[in-house]
Amino acid sequence: MVSSKQIFNIRNLVLTALLIAVGIVLPMTLHSVPNAGRIFLPMHIPILLCGIICGLPYGLACGIITPLLSHLLTGMPPTAMLPSMLCELAAYGAVSALLTRYVRTKSLYANIYIALVGAMAFGRVFYGILNSLIFNAGGYSMQIWLSAAFITALPGIAIQIVVIPAVIIILQKAKLIQTAYI
């Protein structure tokens, strides 16, 4: 007999695999647009969704596996960017899951936005710290970080803030997802 916890775990595994696939295919659809990955941040969307919907181990795994598989299958992200993106995206998956689980309000929308914006802010700061101390030590500045993390990425940030909560609400109302934490 299969327990409800086992079904929930299987559902999360399948959903994580699906979101990893979306994280590989979505950037490919924008490949013809110059600098589209840095502008629209297409790989971030499924990872943030995975963290919020499926929880910590799944969001973290999605954040690690997606850029790695994408690099191996498509060459994106490029080898030079892979380590920092892998760390940044793993942070998005993990932090969005943790904030979803532990930060609670009486509003579903507030819970989603706190998890989303908190993870986005943490991930960008984490990315900047890692680049300044490890991946681009000596060649990374506050100006480069602000430009890459916020100015260039502004359209992607806006897309994430609009699309991710809408997708979660639509999926919940359609009873296609359920999470113990939202």
C-alpha atoms as a PDB file:
ATOM      1  CA  MET A   1       0.000   0.000   0.000  1.00  0.00           C
ATOM      2  CA  VAL A   2       1.340   3.433  -0.940  1.00  0.00           C
ATOM      3  CA  SER A   3       1.102   6.141   1.723  1.00  0.00           C
ATOM      4  CA  SER A   4       0.112   9.732   1.048  1.00  0.00           C
ATOM      5  CA  LYS A   5       3.657  10.822   1.980  1.00  0.00           C
ATOM      6  CA  GLN A   6       5.103   8.508  -0.688  1.00  0.00           C
ATOM      7  CA  ILE A   7       2.674   9.882  -3.257  1.00  0.00           C
ATOM      8  CA  PHE A   8       3.645  13.438  -2.254  1.00  0.00           C
ATOM      9  CA  ASN A   9       7.355  12.547  -2.655  1.00  0.00           C
ATOM     10  CA  ILE A  10       6.781  10.919  -6.044  1.00  0.00           C
ATOM     11  CA  ARG A  11       4.758  13.939  -7.167  1.00  0.00           C
ATOM     12  CA  ASN A  12       7.577  16.236  -6.075  1.00  0.00           C
ATOM     13  CA  LEU A  13      10.166  14.128  -7.908  1.00  0.00           C
ATOM     14  CA  VAL A  14       8.120  14.179 -11.105  1.00  0.00           C
ATOM     15  CA  LEU A  15       7.411  17.907 -10.803  1.00  0.00           C
ATOM     16  CA  THR A  16      11.102  18.611 -10.146  1.00  0.00           C
ATOM     17  CA  ALA A  17      12.083  16.622 -13.246  1.00  0.00           C
ATOM     18  CA  LEU A  18       9.507  18.544 -15.272  1.00  0.00           C
ATOM     19  CA  LEU A  19      10.799  21.887 -13.982  1.00  0.00           C
ATOM     20  CA  ILE A  20      14.394  20.854 -14.751  1.00  0.00           C
ATOM     21  CA  ALA A  21      13.284  20.131 -18.319  1.00  0.00           C
ATOM     22  CA  VAL A  22      11.552  23.529 -18.502  1.00  0.00           C
ATOM     23  CA  GLY A  23      14.751  25.118 -17.153  1.00  0.00           C
ATOM     24  CA  ILE A  24      16.660  23.614 -20.073  1.00  0.00           C
ATOM     25  CA  VAL A  25      14.106  24.270 -22.818  1.00  0.00           C
ATOM     26  CA  LEU A  26      13.008  27.797 -21.840  1.00  0.00           C
ATOM     27  CA  PRO A  27      16.477  29.357 -22.274  1.00  0.00           C
ATOM     28  CA  MET A  28      16.809  27.563 -25.621  1.00  0.00           C
ATOM     29  CA  THR A  29      13.669  29.306 -26.885  1.00  0.00           C
ATOM     30  CA  LEU A  30      15.325  32.674 -26.239  1.00  0.00           C
ATOM     31  CA  HIS A  31      18.722  31.676 -27.688  1.00  0.00           C
ATOM     32  CA  SER A  32      18.217  33.760 -30.836  1.00  0.00           C
ATOM     33  CA  VAL A  33      17.858  36.965 -28.783  1.00  0.00           C
ATOM     34  CA  PRO A  34      21.281  38.457 -27.941  1.00  0.00           C
ATOM     35  CA  ASN A  35      22.048  38.395 -24.204  1.00  0.00           C
ATOM     36  CA  ALA A  36      18.538  36.978 -23.509  1.00  0.00           C
ATOM     37  CA  GLY A  37      19.676  34.794 -20.616  1.00  0.00           C
ATOM     38  CA  ARG A  38      21.063  37.740 -18.673  1.00  0.00           C
ATOM     39  CA  ILE A  39      18.058  39.917 -19.484  1.00  0.00           C
ATOM     40  CA  PHE A  40      15.093  37.549 -19.072  1.00  0.00           C
ATOM     41  CA  LEU A  41      16.579  35.028 -16.575  1.00  0.00           C
ATOM     42  CA  PRO A  42      14.592  32.102 -18.016  1.00  0.00           C
ATOM     43  CA  MET A  43      16.365  29.421 -16.003  1.00  0.00           C
ATOM     44  CA  HIS A  44      15.472  31.123 -12.705  1.00  0.00           C
ATOM     45  CA  ILE A  45      11.697  30.736 -13.130  1.00  0.00           C
ATOM     46  CA  PRO A  46      11.409  26.927 -12.889  1.00  0.00           C
ATOM     47  CA  ILE A  47      13.950  26.772 -10.060  1.00  0.00           C
ATOM     48  CA  LEU A  48      12.104  29.338  -7.959  1.00  0.00           C
ATOM     49  CA  LEU A  49       8.832  27.526  -8.707  1.00  0.00           C
ATOM     50  CA  CYS A  50      10.368  24.219  -7.658  1.00  0.00           C
ATOM     51  CA  GLY A  51      11.629  25.594  -4.355  1.00  0.00           C
ATOM     52  CA  ILE A  52       8.296  27.185  -3.486  1.00  0.00           C
ATOM     53  CA  ILE A  53       6.119  24.270  -4.595  1.00  0.00           C
ATOM     54  CA  CYS A  54       8.217  21.193  -3.785  1.00  0.00           C
ATOM     55  CA  GLY A  55      10.407  22.232  -0.855  1.00  0.00           C
ATOM     56  CA  LEU A  56      14.061  22.288   0.107  1.00  0.00           C
ATOM     57  CA  PRO A  57      15.664  19.129  -1.244  1.00  0.00           C
ATOM     58  CA  TYR A  58      13.821  19.433  -4.555  1.00  0.00           C
ATOM     59  CA  GLY A  59      14.457  23.171  -5.014  1.00  0.00           C
ATOM     60  CA  LEU A  60      18.128  22.727  -4.169  1.00  0.00           C
ATOM     61  CA  ALA A  61      18.470  19.766  -6.539  1.00  0.00           C
ATOM     62  CA  CYS A  62      16.662  21.649  -9.299  1.00  0.00           C
ATOM     63  CA  GLY A  63      19.022  24.604  -8.807  1.00  0.00           C
ATOM     64  CA  ILE A  64      22.067  22.361  -9.163  1.00  0.00           C
ATOM     65  CA  ILE A  65      20.916  19.935 -11.845  1.00  0.00           C
ATOM     66  CA  THR A  66      19.257  22.414 -14.225  1.00  0.00           C
ATOM     67  CA  PRO A  67      22.307  24.557 -15.101  1.00  0.00           C
ATOM     68  CA  LEU A  68      24.569  21.503 -15.130  1.00  0.00           C
ATOM     69  CA  LEU A  69      22.360  19.508 -17.528  1.00  0.00           C
ATOM     70  CA  SER A  70      21.695  22.598 -19.626  1.00  0.00           C
ATOM     71  CA  HIS A  71      25.434  23.178 -19.950  1.00  0.00           C
ATOM     72  CA  LEU A  72      26.074  19.551 -20.905  1.00  0.00           C
ATOM     73  CA  LEU A  73      23.196  19.407 -23.417  1.00  0.00           C
ATOM     74  CA  THR A  74      23.217  22.916 -24.913  1.00  0.00           C
ATOM     75  CA  GLY A  75      26.445  24.625 -23.864  1.00  0.00           C
ATOM     76  CA  MET A  76      24.409  27.208 -21.921  1.00  0.00           C
ATOM     77  CA  PRO A  77      25.454  28.579 -19.530  1.00  0.00           C
ATOM     78  CA  PRO A  78      29.009  28.819 -20.850  1.00  0.00           C
ATOM     79  CA  THR A  79      31.720  26.998 -18.910  1.00  0.00           C
ATOM     80  CA  ALA A  80      33.098  30.220 -17.424  1.00  0.00           C
ATOM     81  CA  MET A  81      29.695  31.135 -15.953  1.00  0.00           C
ATOM     82  CA  LEU A  82      28.609  27.647 -14.873  1.00  0.00           C
ATOM     83  CA  PRO A  83      30.108  27.541 -11.336  1.00  0.00           C
ATOM     84  CA  SER A  84      28.699  30.900 -10.249  1.00  0.00           C
ATOM     85  CA  MET A  85      25.306  30.229 -11.864  1.00  0.00           C
ATOM     86  CA  LEU A  86      25.149  26.794 -10.290  1.00  0.00           C
ATOM     87  CA  CYS A  87      25.707  28.315  -6.833  1.00  0.00           C
ATOM     88  CA  GLU A  88      23.280  31.186  -7.465  1.00  0.00           C
ATOM     89  CA  LEU A  89      20.494  28.936  -8.763  1.00  0.00           C
ATOM     90  CA  ALA A  90      20.996  26.420  -5.948  1.00  0.00           C
ATOM     91  CA  ALA A  91      20.572  29.333  -3.528  1.00  0.00           C
ATOM     92  CA  TYR A  92      17.328  30.365  -5.254  1.00  0.00           C
ATOM     93  CA  GLY A  93      15.894  26.864  -4.964  1.00  0.00           C
ATOM     94  CA  ALA A  94      16.949  26.410  -1.347  1.00  0.00           C
ATOM     95  CA  VAL A  95      16.062  29.860  -0.018  1.00  0.00           C
ATOM     96  CA  SER A  96      12.679  30.001  -1.754  1.00  0.00           C
ATOM     97  CA  ALA A  97      11.858  26.637  -0.158  1.00  0.00           C
ATOM     98  CA  LEU A  98      13.043  27.692   3.308  1.00  0.00           C
ATOM     99  CA  LEU A  99      11.167  30.994   3.227  1.00  0.00           C
ATOM    100  CA  THR A 100       8.028  29.236   1.984  1.00  0.00           C
ATOM    101  CA  ARG A 101       8.230  26.801   4.858  1.00  0.00           C
ATOM    102  CA  TYR A 102       9.176  29.092   7.736  1.00  0.00           C
ATOM    103  CA  VAL A 103       7.831  32.574   6.971  1.00  0.00           C
ATOM    104  CA  ARG A 104       4.079  32.549   7.475  1.00  0.00           C
ATOM    105  CA  THR A 105       1.466  35.235   7.159  1.00  0.00           C
ATOM    106  CA  LYS A 106      -2.285  34.948   6.891  1.00  0.00           C
ATOM    107  CA  SER A 107      -2.109  35.789   3.187  1.00  0.00           C
ATOM    108  CA  LEU A 108      -1.265  33.258   0.492  1.00  0.00           C
ATOM    109  CA  TYR A 109      -0.060  36.086  -1.749  1.00  0.00           C
ATOM    110  CA  ALA A 110       2.188  37.516   0.968  1.00  0.00           C
ATOM    111  CA  ASN A 111       3.671  34.069   1.630  1.00  0.00           C
ATOM    112  CA  ILE A 112       4.475  33.601  -2.053  1.00  0.00           C
ATOM    113  CA  TYR A 113       5.929  37.098  -2.509  1.00  0.00           C
ATOM    114  CA  ILE A 114       8.033  36.904   0.660  1.00  0.00           C
ATOM    115  CA  ALA A 115       9.522  33.590  -0.474  1.00  0.00           C
ATOM    116  CA  LEU A 116      10.029  34.821  -4.030  1.00  0.00           C
ATOM    117  CA  VAL A 117      11.485  38.267  -3.362  1.00  0.00           C
ATOM    118  CA  GLY A 118      13.529  37.025  -0.401  1.00  0.00           C
ATOM    119  CA  ALA A 119      15.071  34.257  -2.500  1.00  0.00           C
ATOM    120  CA  MET A 120      15.703  36.625  -5.406  1.00  0.00           C
ATOM    121  CA  ALA A 121      17.456  39.137  -3.124  1.00  0.00           C
ATOM    122  CA  PHE A 122      19.493  36.488  -1.307  1.00  0.00           C
ATOM    123  CA  GLY A 123      20.502  34.792  -4.566  1.00  0.00           C
ATOM    124  CA  ARG A 124      21.730  38.043  -6.099  1.00  0.00           C
ATOM    125  CA  VAL A 125      23.736  38.989  -2.999  1.00  0.00           C
ATOM    126  CA  PHE A 126      25.151  35.448  -2.778  1.00  0.00           C
ATOM    127  CA  TYR A 127      26.082  35.604  -6.485  1.00  0.00           C
ATOM    128  CA  GLY A 128      27.858  38.931  -5.933  1.00  0.00           C
ATOM    129  CA  ILE A 129      29.769  37.685  -2.893  1.00  0.00           C
ATOM    130  CA  LEU A 130      30.874  34.495  -4.635  1.00  0.00           C
ATOM    131  CA  ASN A 131      32.003  36.393  -7.728  1.00  0.00           C
ATOM    132  CA  SER A 132      33.937  38.970  -5.728  1.00  0.00           C
ATOM    133  CA  LEU A 133      35.636  36.420  -3.457  1.00  0.00           C
ATOM    134  CA  ILE A 134      36.025  33.293  -5.595  1.00  0.00           C
ATOM    135  CA  PHE A 135      34.946  33.218  -9.231  1.00  0.00           C
ATOM    136  CA  ASN A 136      36.123  36.683 -10.356  1.00  0.00           C
ATOM    137  CA  ALA A 137      38.275  37.746  -7.412  1.00  0.00           C
ATOM    138  CA  GLY A 138      39.971  41.051  -8.120  1.00  0.00           C
ATOM    139  CA  GLY A 139      37.987  41.631 -11.318  1.00  0.00           C
ATOM    140  CA  TYR A 140      34.540  42.095  -9.845  1.00  0.00           C
ATOM    141  CA  SER A 141      33.199  45.388  -8.548  1.00  0.00           C
ATOM    142  CA  MET A 142      30.038  46.766  -7.002  1.00  0.00           C
ATOM    143  CA  GLN A 143      29.270  48.477 -10.316  1.00  0.00           C
ATOM    144  CA  ILE A 144      29.563  45.202 -12.264  1.00  0.00           C
ATOM    145  CA  TRP A 145      27.368  43.447  -9.704  1.00  0.00           C
ATOM    146  CA  LEU A 146      24.676  46.148  -9.704  1.00  0.00           C
ATOM    147  CA  SER A 147      24.653  46.209 -13.477  1.00  0.00           C
ATOM    148  CA  ALA A 148      24.445  42.417 -13.882  1.00  0.00           C
ATOM    149  CA  ALA A 149      22.179  41.606 -10.933  1.00  0.00           C
ATOM    150  CA  PHE A 150      19.699  44.437 -11.251  1.00  0.00           C
ATOM    151  CA  ILE A 151      19.975  46.739 -14.266  1.00  0.00           C
ATOM    152  CA  THR A 152      20.469  44.173 -17.040  1.00  0.00           C
ATOM    153  CA  ALA A 153      18.216  41.675 -15.266  1.00  0.00           C
ATOM    154  CA  LEU A 154      15.343  44.107 -14.597  1.00  0.00           C
ATOM    155  CA  PRO A 155      13.044  42.614 -17.285  1.00  0.00           C
ATOM    156  CA  GLY A 156      13.657  39.121 -15.882  1.00  0.00           C
ATOM    157  CA  ILE A 157      13.023  40.298 -12.333  1.00  0.00           C
ATOM    158  CA  ALA A 158       9.724  41.841 -13.429  1.00  0.00           C
ATOM    159  CA  ILE A 159       8.750  38.654 -15.266  1.00  0.00           C
ATOM    160  CA  GLN A 160       9.504  36.548 -12.181  1.00  0.00           C
ATOM    161  CA  ILE A 161       7.491  38.818  -9.876  1.00  0.00           C
ATOM    162  CA  VAL A 162       4.461  38.623 -12.185  1.00  0.00           C
ATOM    163  CA  VAL A 163       4.637  35.094 -13.593  1.00  0.00           C
ATOM    164  CA  ILE A 164       5.699  32.937 -10.634  1.00  0.00           C
ATOM    165  CA  PRO A 165       2.910  33.926  -8.209  1.00  0.00           C
ATOM    166  CA  ALA A 166       0.355  33.723 -11.025  1.00  0.00           C
ATOM    167  CA  VAL A 167       1.490  30.207 -11.980  1.00  0.00           C
ATOM    168  CA  ILE A 168       1.372  29.040  -8.351  1.00  0.00           C
ATOM    169  CA  ILE A 169      -2.115  30.486  -7.782  1.00  0.00           C
ATOM    170  CA  ILE A 170      -3.443  29.030 -11.048  1.00  0.00           C
ATOM    171  CA  LEU A 171      -1.992  25.587 -10.287  1.00  0.00           C
ATOM    172  CA  GLN A 172      -3.404  25.640  -6.745  1.00  0.00           C
ATOM    173  CA  LYS A 173      -6.863  26.766  -7.840  1.00  0.00           C
ATOM    174  CA  ALA A 174      -6.876  24.015 -10.470  1.00  0.00           C
ATOM    175  CA  LYS A 175      -5.805  21.588  -7.707  1.00  0.00           C
ATOM    176  CA  LEU A 176      -2.793  20.545  -9.776  1.00  0.00           C
ATOM    177  CA  ILE A 177      -0.404  21.266  -6.935  1.00  0.00           C
ATOM    178  CA  GLN A 178      -0.643  21.243  -3.219  1.00  0.00           C
ATOM    179  CA  THR A 179       2.024  22.104  -0.779  1.00  0.00           C
ATOM    180  CA  ALA A 180       1.961  21.847   2.968  1.00  0.00           C
ATOM    181  CA  TYR A 181       3.690  25.179   3.330  1.00  0.00           C
ATOM    182  CA  ILE A 182       1.848  27.725   1.190  1.00  0.00           C
END
